[in-house]
Amino acid sequence: MFSKRHYETIARVMQDTKPDGTFTTNQIRLDQWAHIRDMLARAFARDNGQFKQNRFVAACEPGANVRARS
């Protein structure tokens, strides 16, 4: 089972790897990035019934606060 610190670390990595989407080829990369983010969110939800998919998706956006509430 994953823990809060795993989700936070992965969200930070997703922030760092999000393409900017300013060029056509970057839109393809952005679509791939979003697909991976959504697949991770679904996998984490299956792994942990307390996992909040919408919070993870929001935390993957650059500049978002990834620290989970205690």
PDB file of N, CA and C in Angstrom:
ATOM      1  N   MET A   1       0.839  -1.175   0.000  1.00  0.00           N
ATOM      2  CA  MET A   1       0.000   0.000   0.000  1.00  0.00           C
ATOM      3  C   MET A   1       0.890   1.247   0.000  1.00  0.00           C
ATOM      4  N   PHE A   2       0.473   2.211  -0.808  1.00  0.00           N
ATOM      5  CA  PHE A   2       1.202   3.477  -0.859  1.00  0.00           C
ATOM      6  C   PHE A   2       0.849   4.313   0.362  1.00  0.00           C
ATOM      7  N   SER A   3       1.715   5.240   0.682  1.00  0.00           N
ATOM      8  CA  SER A   3       1.450   6.143   1.796  1.00  0.00           C
ATOM      9  C   SER A   3       1.364   7.575   1.284  1.00  0.00           C
ATOM     10  N   LYS A   4       0.980   8.471   2.180  1.00  0.00           N
ATOM     11  CA  LYS A   4       0.842   9.884   1.866  1.00  0.00           C
ATOM     12  C   LYS A   4       2.122  10.443   1.241  1.00  0.00           C
ATOM     13  N   ARG A   5       3.253  10.062   1.776  1.00  0.00           N
ATOM     14  CA  ARG A   5       4.511  10.598   1.256  1.00  0.00           C
ATOM     15  C   ARG A   5       4.767  10.136  -0.182  1.00  0.00           C
ATOM     16  N   HIS A   6       4.304   8.918  -0.526  1.00  0.00           N
ATOM     17  CA  HIS A   6       4.453   8.444  -1.904  1.00  0.00           C
ATOM     18  C   HIS A   6       3.597   9.294  -2.847  1.00  0.00           C
ATOM     19  N   TYR A   7       2.353   9.529  -2.459  1.00  0.00           N
ATOM     20  CA  TYR A   7       1.464  10.340  -3.299  1.00  0.00           C
ATOM     21  C   TYR A   7       2.034  11.743  -3.494  1.00  0.00           C
ATOM     22  N   GLU A   8       2.559  12.343  -2.430  1.00  0.00           N
ATOM     23  CA  GLU A   8       3.125  13.686  -2.505  1.00  0.00           C
ATOM     24  C   GLU A   8       4.338  13.719  -3.431  1.00  0.00           C
ATOM     25  N   THR A   9       5.204  12.737  -3.316  1.00  0.00           N
ATOM     26  CA  THR A   9       6.397  12.681  -4.163  1.00  0.00           C
ATOM     27  C   THR A   9       6.009  12.534  -5.626  1.00  0.00           C
ATOM     28  N   ILE A  10       5.069  11.667  -5.908  1.00  0.00           N
ATOM     29  CA  ILE A  10       4.637  11.457  -7.293  1.00  0.00           C
ATOM     30  C   ILE A  10       3.962  12.707  -7.833  1.00  0.00           C
ATOM     31  N   ALA A  11       3.171  13.401  -7.025  1.00  0.00           N
ATOM     32  CA  ALA A  11       2.536  14.650  -7.464  1.00  0.00           C
ATOM     33  C   ALA A  11       3.599  15.694  -7.804  1.00  0.00           C
ATOM     34  N   ARG A  12       4.671  15.771  -7.018  1.00  0.00           N
ATOM     35  CA  ARG A  12       5.755  16.720  -7.309  1.00  0.00           C
ATOM     36  C   ARG A  12       6.434  16.389  -8.640  1.00  0.00           C
ATOM     37  N   VAL A  13       6.641  15.104  -8.879  1.00  0.00           N
ATOM     38  CA  VAL A  13       7.242  14.683 -10.146  1.00  0.00           C
ATOM     39  C   VAL A  13       6.315  15.050 -11.304  1.00  0.00           C
ATOM     40  N   MET A  14       5.022  14.840 -11.123  1.00  0.00           N
ATOM     41  CA  MET A  14       4.071  15.201 -12.174  1.00  0.00           C
ATOM     42  C   MET A  14       4.107  16.708 -12.433  1.00  0.00           C
ATOM     43  N   GLN A  15       4.237  17.507 -11.391  1.00  0.00           N
ATOM     44  CA  GLN A  15       4.356  18.958 -11.575  1.00  0.00           C
ATOM     45  C   GLN A  15       5.573  19.300 -12.429  1.00  0.00           C
ATOM     46  N   ASP A  16       6.682  18.667 -12.106  1.00  0.00           N
ATOM     47  CA  ASP A  16       7.941  18.957 -12.788  1.00  0.00           C
ATOM     48  C   ASP A  16       7.964  18.492 -14.238  1.00  0.00           C
ATOM     49  N   THR A  17       7.102  17.552 -14.600  1.00  0.00           N
ATOM     50  CA  THR A  17       7.149  16.980 -15.942  1.00  0.00           C
ATOM     51  C   THR A  17       6.007  17.434 -16.840  1.00  0.00           C
ATOM     52  N   LYS A  18       5.135  18.313 -16.344  1.00  0.00           N
ATOM     53  CA  LYS A  18       4.001  18.743 -17.172  1.00  0.00           C
ATOM     54  C   LYS A  18       4.486  19.626 -18.318  1.00  0.00           C
ATOM     55  N   PRO A  19       4.160  19.239 -19.576  1.00  0.00           N
ATOM     56  CA  PRO A  19       4.538  20.079 -20.711  1.00  0.00           C
ATOM     57  C   PRO A  19       3.706  21.362 -20.728  1.00  0.00           C
ATOM     58  N   ASP A  20       4.228  22.394 -21.371  1.00  0.00           N
ATOM     59  CA  ASP A  20       3.522  23.672 -21.364  1.00  0.00           C
ATOM     60  C   ASP A  20       2.393  23.751 -22.385  1.00  0.00           C
ATOM     61  N   GLY A  21       2.390  22.917 -23.407  1.00  0.00           N
ATOM     62  CA  GLY A  21       1.289  22.892 -24.360  1.00  0.00           C
ATOM     63  C   GLY A  21       1.266  24.052 -25.338  1.00  0.00           C
ATOM     64  N   THR A  22       2.379  24.752 -25.525  1.00  0.00           N
ATOM     65  CA  THR A  22       2.374  25.903 -26.420  1.00  0.00           C
ATOM     66  C   THR A  22       2.546  25.528 -27.892  1.00  0.00           C
ATOM     67  N   PHE A  23       3.039  24.355 -28.174  1.00  0.00           N
ATOM     68  CA  PHE A  23       3.216  23.905 -29.555  1.00  0.00           C
ATOM     69  C   PHE A  23       2.370  22.663 -29.781  1.00  0.00           C
ATOM     70  N   THR A  24       2.065  22.380 -31.027  1.00  0.00           N
ATOM     71  CA  THR A  24       1.215  21.234 -31.362  1.00  0.00           C
ATOM     72  C   THR A  24       1.784  19.937 -30.802  1.00  0.00           C
ATOM     73  N   THR A  25       3.086  19.732 -30.929  1.00  0.00           N
ATOM     74  CA  THR A  25       3.677  18.493 -30.412  1.00  0.00           C
ATOM     75  C   THR A  25       3.588  18.446 -28.889  1.00  0.00           C
ATOM     76  N   ASN A  26       3.641  19.597 -28.250  1.00  0.00           N
ATOM     77  CA  ASN A  26       3.507  19.612 -26.795  1.00  0.00           C
ATOM     78  C   ASN A  26       2.089  19.265 -26.368  1.00  0.00           C
ATOM     79  N   GLN A  27       1.086  19.554 -27.210  1.00  0.00           N
ATOM     80  CA  GLN A  27      -0.294  19.176 -26.871  1.00  0.00           C
ATOM     81  C   GLN A  27      -0.414  17.662 -26.784  1.00  0.00           C
ATOM     82  N   ILE A  28       0.271  16.961 -27.667  1.00  0.00           N
ATOM     83  CA  ILE A  28       0.271  15.496 -27.599  1.00  0.00           C
ATOM     84  C   ILE A  28       0.911  15.051 -26.296  1.00  0.00           C
ATOM     85  N   ARG A  29       2.014  15.674 -25.922  1.00  0.00           N
ATOM     86  CA  ARG A  29       2.684  15.344 -24.661  1.00  0.00           C
ATOM     87  C   ARG A  29       1.786  15.672 -23.468  1.00  0.00           C
ATOM     88  N   LEU A  30       1.078  16.792 -23.545  1.00  0.00           N
ATOM     89  CA  LEU A  30       0.163  17.176 -22.468  1.00  0.00           C
ATOM     90  C   LEU A  30      -0.965  16.154 -22.321  1.00  0.00           C
ATOM     91  N   ASP A  31      -1.489  15.682 -23.432  1.00  0.00           N
ATOM     92  CA  ASP A  31      -2.528  14.648 -23.395  1.00  0.00           C
ATOM     93  C   ASP A  31      -1.995  13.365 -22.759  1.00  0.00           C
ATOM     94  N   GLN A  32      -0.774  12.994 -23.117  1.00  0.00           N
ATOM     95  CA  GLN A  32      -0.154  11.806 -22.528  1.00  0.00           C
ATOM     96  C   GLN A  32       0.063  11.999 -21.037  1.00  0.00           C
ATOM     97  N   TRP A  33       0.537  13.175 -20.651  1.00  0.00           N
ATOM     98  CA  TRP A  33       0.763  13.487 -19.239  1.00  0.00           C
ATOM     99  C   TRP A  33      -0.548  13.368 -18.455  1.00  0.00           C
ATOM    100  N   ALA A  34      -1.622  13.929 -18.982  1.00  0.00           N
ATOM    101  CA  ALA A  34      -2.920  13.880 -18.305  1.00  0.00           C
ATOM    102  C   ALA A  34      -3.426  12.441 -18.203  1.00  0.00           C
ATOM    103  N   HIS A  35      -3.188  11.664 -19.233  1.00  0.00           N
ATOM    104  CA  HIS A  35      -3.611  10.257 -19.202  1.00  0.00           C
ATOM    105  C   HIS A  35      -2.856   9.489 -18.105  1.00  0.00           C
ATOM    106  N   ILE A  36      -1.565   9.707 -18.009  1.00  0.00           N
ATOM    107  CA  ILE A  36      -0.765   9.061 -16.962  1.00  0.00           C
ATOM    108  C   ILE A  36      -1.237   9.511 -15.584  1.00  0.00           C
ATOM    109  N   ARG A  37      -1.458  10.812 -15.402  1.00  0.00           N
ATOM    110  CA  ARG A  37      -1.950  11.351 -14.125  1.00  0.00           C
ATOM    111  C   ARG A  37      -3.262  10.670 -13.732  1.00  0.00           C
ATOM    112  N   ASP A  38      -4.179  10.551 -14.681  1.00  0.00           N
ATOM    113  CA  ASP A  38      -5.476   9.949 -14.393  1.00  0.00           C
ATOM    114  C   ASP A  38      -5.362   8.457 -14.089  1.00  0.00           C
ATOM    115  N   MET A  39      -4.471   7.769 -14.798  1.00  0.00           N
ATOM    116  CA  MET A  39      -4.245   6.345 -14.523  1.00  0.00           C
ATOM    117  C   MET A  39      -3.659   6.146 -13.128  1.00  0.00           C
ATOM    118  N   LEU A  40      -2.711   7.004 -12.751  1.00  0.00           N
ATOM    119  CA  LEU A  40      -2.145   6.927 -11.403  1.00  0.00           C
ATOM    120  C   LEU A  40      -3.222   7.178 -10.351  1.00  0.00           C
ATOM    121  N   ALA A  41      -4.048   8.180 -10.568  1.00  0.00           N
ATOM    122  CA  ALA A  41      -5.106   8.505  -9.604  1.00  0.00           C
ATOM    123  C   ALA A  41      -6.062   7.321  -9.423  1.00  0.00           C
ATOM    124  N   ARG A  42      -6.427   6.673 -10.514  1.00  0.00           N
ATOM    125  CA  ARG A  42      -7.326   5.504 -10.403  1.00  0.00           C
ATOM    126  C   ARG A  42      -6.638   4.343  -9.687  1.00  0.00           C
ATOM    127  N   ALA A  43      -5.363   4.118  -9.999  1.00  0.00           N
ATOM    128  CA  ALA A  43      -4.630   3.022  -9.344  1.00  0.00           C
ATOM    129  C   ALA A  43      -4.493   3.286  -7.847  1.00  0.00           C
ATOM    130  N   PHE A  44      -4.199   4.531  -7.471  1.00  0.00           N
ATOM    131  CA  PHE A  44      -4.064   4.866  -6.054  1.00  0.00           C
ATOM    132  C   PHE A  44      -5.399   4.718  -5.330  1.00  0.00           C
ATOM    133  N   ALA A  45      -6.485   5.066  -5.988  1.00  0.00           N
ATOM    134  CA  ALA A  45      -7.812   4.931  -5.374  1.00  0.00           C
ATOM    135  C   ALA A  45      -8.153   3.460  -5.139  1.00  0.00           C
ATOM    136  N   ARG A  46      -7.750   2.607  -6.067  1.00  0.00           N
ATOM    137  CA  ARG A  46      -7.981   1.165  -5.870  1.00  0.00           C
ATOM    138  C   ARG A  46      -7.129   0.631  -4.717  1.00  0.00           C
ATOM    139  N   ASP A  47      -5.946   1.175  -4.569  1.00  0.00           N
ATOM    140  CA  ASP A  47      -5.006   0.737  -3.533  1.00  0.00           C
ATOM    141  C   ASP A  47      -5.420   1.218  -2.143  1.00  0.00           C
ATOM    142  N   ASN A  48      -6.029   2.412  -2.075  1.00  0.00           N
ATOM    143  CA  ASN A  48      -6.324   3.021  -0.777  1.00  0.00           C
ATOM    144  C   ASN A  48      -7.706   3.666  -0.834  1.00  0.00           C
ATOM    145  N   GLY A  49      -8.636   3.145  -0.063  1.00  0.00           N
ATOM    146  CA  GLY A  49     -10.004   3.653  -0.043  1.00  0.00           C
ATOM    147  C   GLY A  49     -10.123   5.085   0.453  1.00  0.00           C
ATOM    148  N   GLN A  50      -9.113   5.590   1.163  1.00  0.00           N
ATOM    149  CA  GLN A  50      -9.138   6.964   1.674  1.00  0.00           C
ATOM    150  C   GLN A  50      -8.547   7.972   0.683  1.00  0.00           C
ATOM    151  N   PHE A  51      -7.975   7.467  -0.402  1.00  0.00           N
ATOM    152  CA  PHE A  51      -7.319   8.331  -1.385  1.00  0.00           C
ATOM    153  C   PHE A  51      -8.349   9.198  -2.099  1.00  0.00           C
ATOM    154  N   LYS A  52      -8.034  10.489  -2.229  1.00  0.00           N
ATOM    155  CA  LYS A  52      -8.913  11.459  -2.896  1.00  0.00           C
ATOM    156  C   LYS A  52      -8.346  11.778  -4.275  1.00  0.00           C
ATOM    157  N   GLN A  53      -8.964  11.215  -5.305  1.00  0.00           N
ATOM    158  CA  GLN A  53      -8.468  11.393  -6.670  1.00  0.00           C
ATOM    159  C   GLN A  53      -8.429  12.866  -7.074  1.00  0.00           C
ATOM    160  N   ASN A  54      -9.477  13.618  -6.744  1.00  0.00           N
ATOM    161  CA  ASN A  54      -9.526  15.021  -7.166  1.00  0.00           C
ATOM    162  C   ASN A  54      -8.410  15.849  -6.516  1.00  0.00           C
ATOM    163  N   ARG A  55      -8.048  15.534  -5.279  1.00  0.00           N
ATOM    164  CA  ARG A  55      -6.947  16.249  -4.616  1.00  0.00           C
ATOM    165  C   ARG A  55      -5.611  15.919  -5.282  1.00  0.00           C
ATOM    166  N   PHE A  56      -5.429  14.658  -5.665  1.00  0.00           N
ATOM    167  CA  PHE A  56      -4.192  14.268  -6.340  1.00  0.00           C
ATOM    168  C   PHE A  56      -4.077  14.963  -7.691  1.00  0.00           C
ATOM    169  N   VAL A  57      -5.167  14.959  -8.457  1.00  0.00           N
ATOM    170  CA  VAL A  57      -5.157  15.607  -9.771  1.00  0.00           C
ATOM    171  C   VAL A  57      -4.797  17.085  -9.621  1.00  0.00           C
ATOM    172  N   ALA A  58      -5.388  17.752  -8.656  1.00  0.00           N
ATOM    173  CA  ALA A  58      -5.081  19.169  -8.412  1.00  0.00           C
ATOM    174  C   ALA A  58      -3.629  19.349  -7.975  1.00  0.00           C
ATOM    175  N   ALA A  59      -3.109  18.432  -7.173  1.00  0.00           N
ATOM    176  CA  ALA A  59      -1.731  18.532  -6.673  1.00  0.00           C
ATOM    177  C   ALA A  59      -0.706  18.329  -7.780  1.00  0.00           C
ATOM    178  N   CYS A  60      -1.091  17.715  -8.875  1.00  0.00           N
ATOM    179  CA  CYS A  60      -0.168  17.483  -9.983  1.00  0.00           C
ATOM    180  C   CYS A  60       0.060  18.736 -10.822  1.00  0.00           C
ATOM    181  N   GLU A  61      -0.769  19.757 -10.641  1.00  0.00           N
ATOM    182  CA  GLU A  61      -0.617  20.993 -11.408  1.00  0.00           C
ATOM    183  C   GLU A  61       0.567  21.799 -10.864  1.00  0.00           C
ATOM    184  N   PRO A  62       1.409  22.304 -11.752  1.00  0.00           N
ATOM    185  CA  PRO A  62       2.557  23.100 -11.304  1.00  0.00           C
ATOM    186  C   PRO A  62       2.131  24.246 -10.381  1.00  0.00           C
ATOM    187  N   GLY A  63       2.857  24.384  -9.289  1.00  0.00           N
ATOM    188  CA  GLY A  63       2.582  25.432  -8.319  1.00  0.00           C
ATOM    189  C   GLY A  63       1.611  25.044  -7.221  1.00  0.00           C
ATOM    190  N   ALA A  64       0.980  23.881  -7.353  1.00  0.00           N
ATOM    191  CA  ALA A  64       0.015  23.446  -6.331  1.00  0.00           C
ATOM    192  C   ALA A  64       0.748  23.008  -5.069  1.00  0.00           C
ATOM    193  N   ASN A  65       0.069  23.164  -3.944  1.00  0.00           N
ATOM    194  CA  ASN A  65       0.598  22.690  -2.666  1.00  0.00           C
ATOM    195  C   ASN A  65       0.363  21.188  -2.598  1.00  0.00           C
ATOM    196  N   VAL A  66       1.433  20.397  -2.534  1.00  0.00           N
ATOM    197  CA  VAL A  66       1.278  18.937  -2.546  1.00  0.00           C
ATOM    198  C   VAL A  66       1.235  18.334  -1.154  1.00  0.00           C
ATOM    199  N   ARG A  67       1.471  19.123  -0.129  1.00  0.00           N
ATOM    200  CA  ARG A  67       1.458  18.569   1.231  1.00  0.00           C
ATOM    201  C   ARG A  67       0.029  18.190   1.603  1.00  0.00           C
ATOM    202  N   ALA A  68      -0.122  16.942   1.971  1.00  0.00           N
ATOM    203  CA  ALA A  68      -1.442  16.466   2.388  1.00  0.00           C
ATOM    204  C   ALA A  68      -1.774  17.020   3.770  1.00  0.00           C
ATOM    205  N   ARG A  69      -3.040  17.182   4.001  1.00  0.00           N
ATOM    206  CA  ARG A  69      -3.474  17.613   5.339  1.00  0.00           C
ATOM    207  C   ARG A  69      -3.277  16.473   6.313  1.00  0.00           C
ATOM    208  N   SER A  70      -2.849  16.786   7.485  1.00  0.00           N
ATOM    209  CA  SER A  70      -2.615  15.747   8.511  1.00  0.00           C
ATOM    210  C   SER A  70      -3.878  15.459   9.275  1.00  0.00           C
TER     211      SER A  70
END
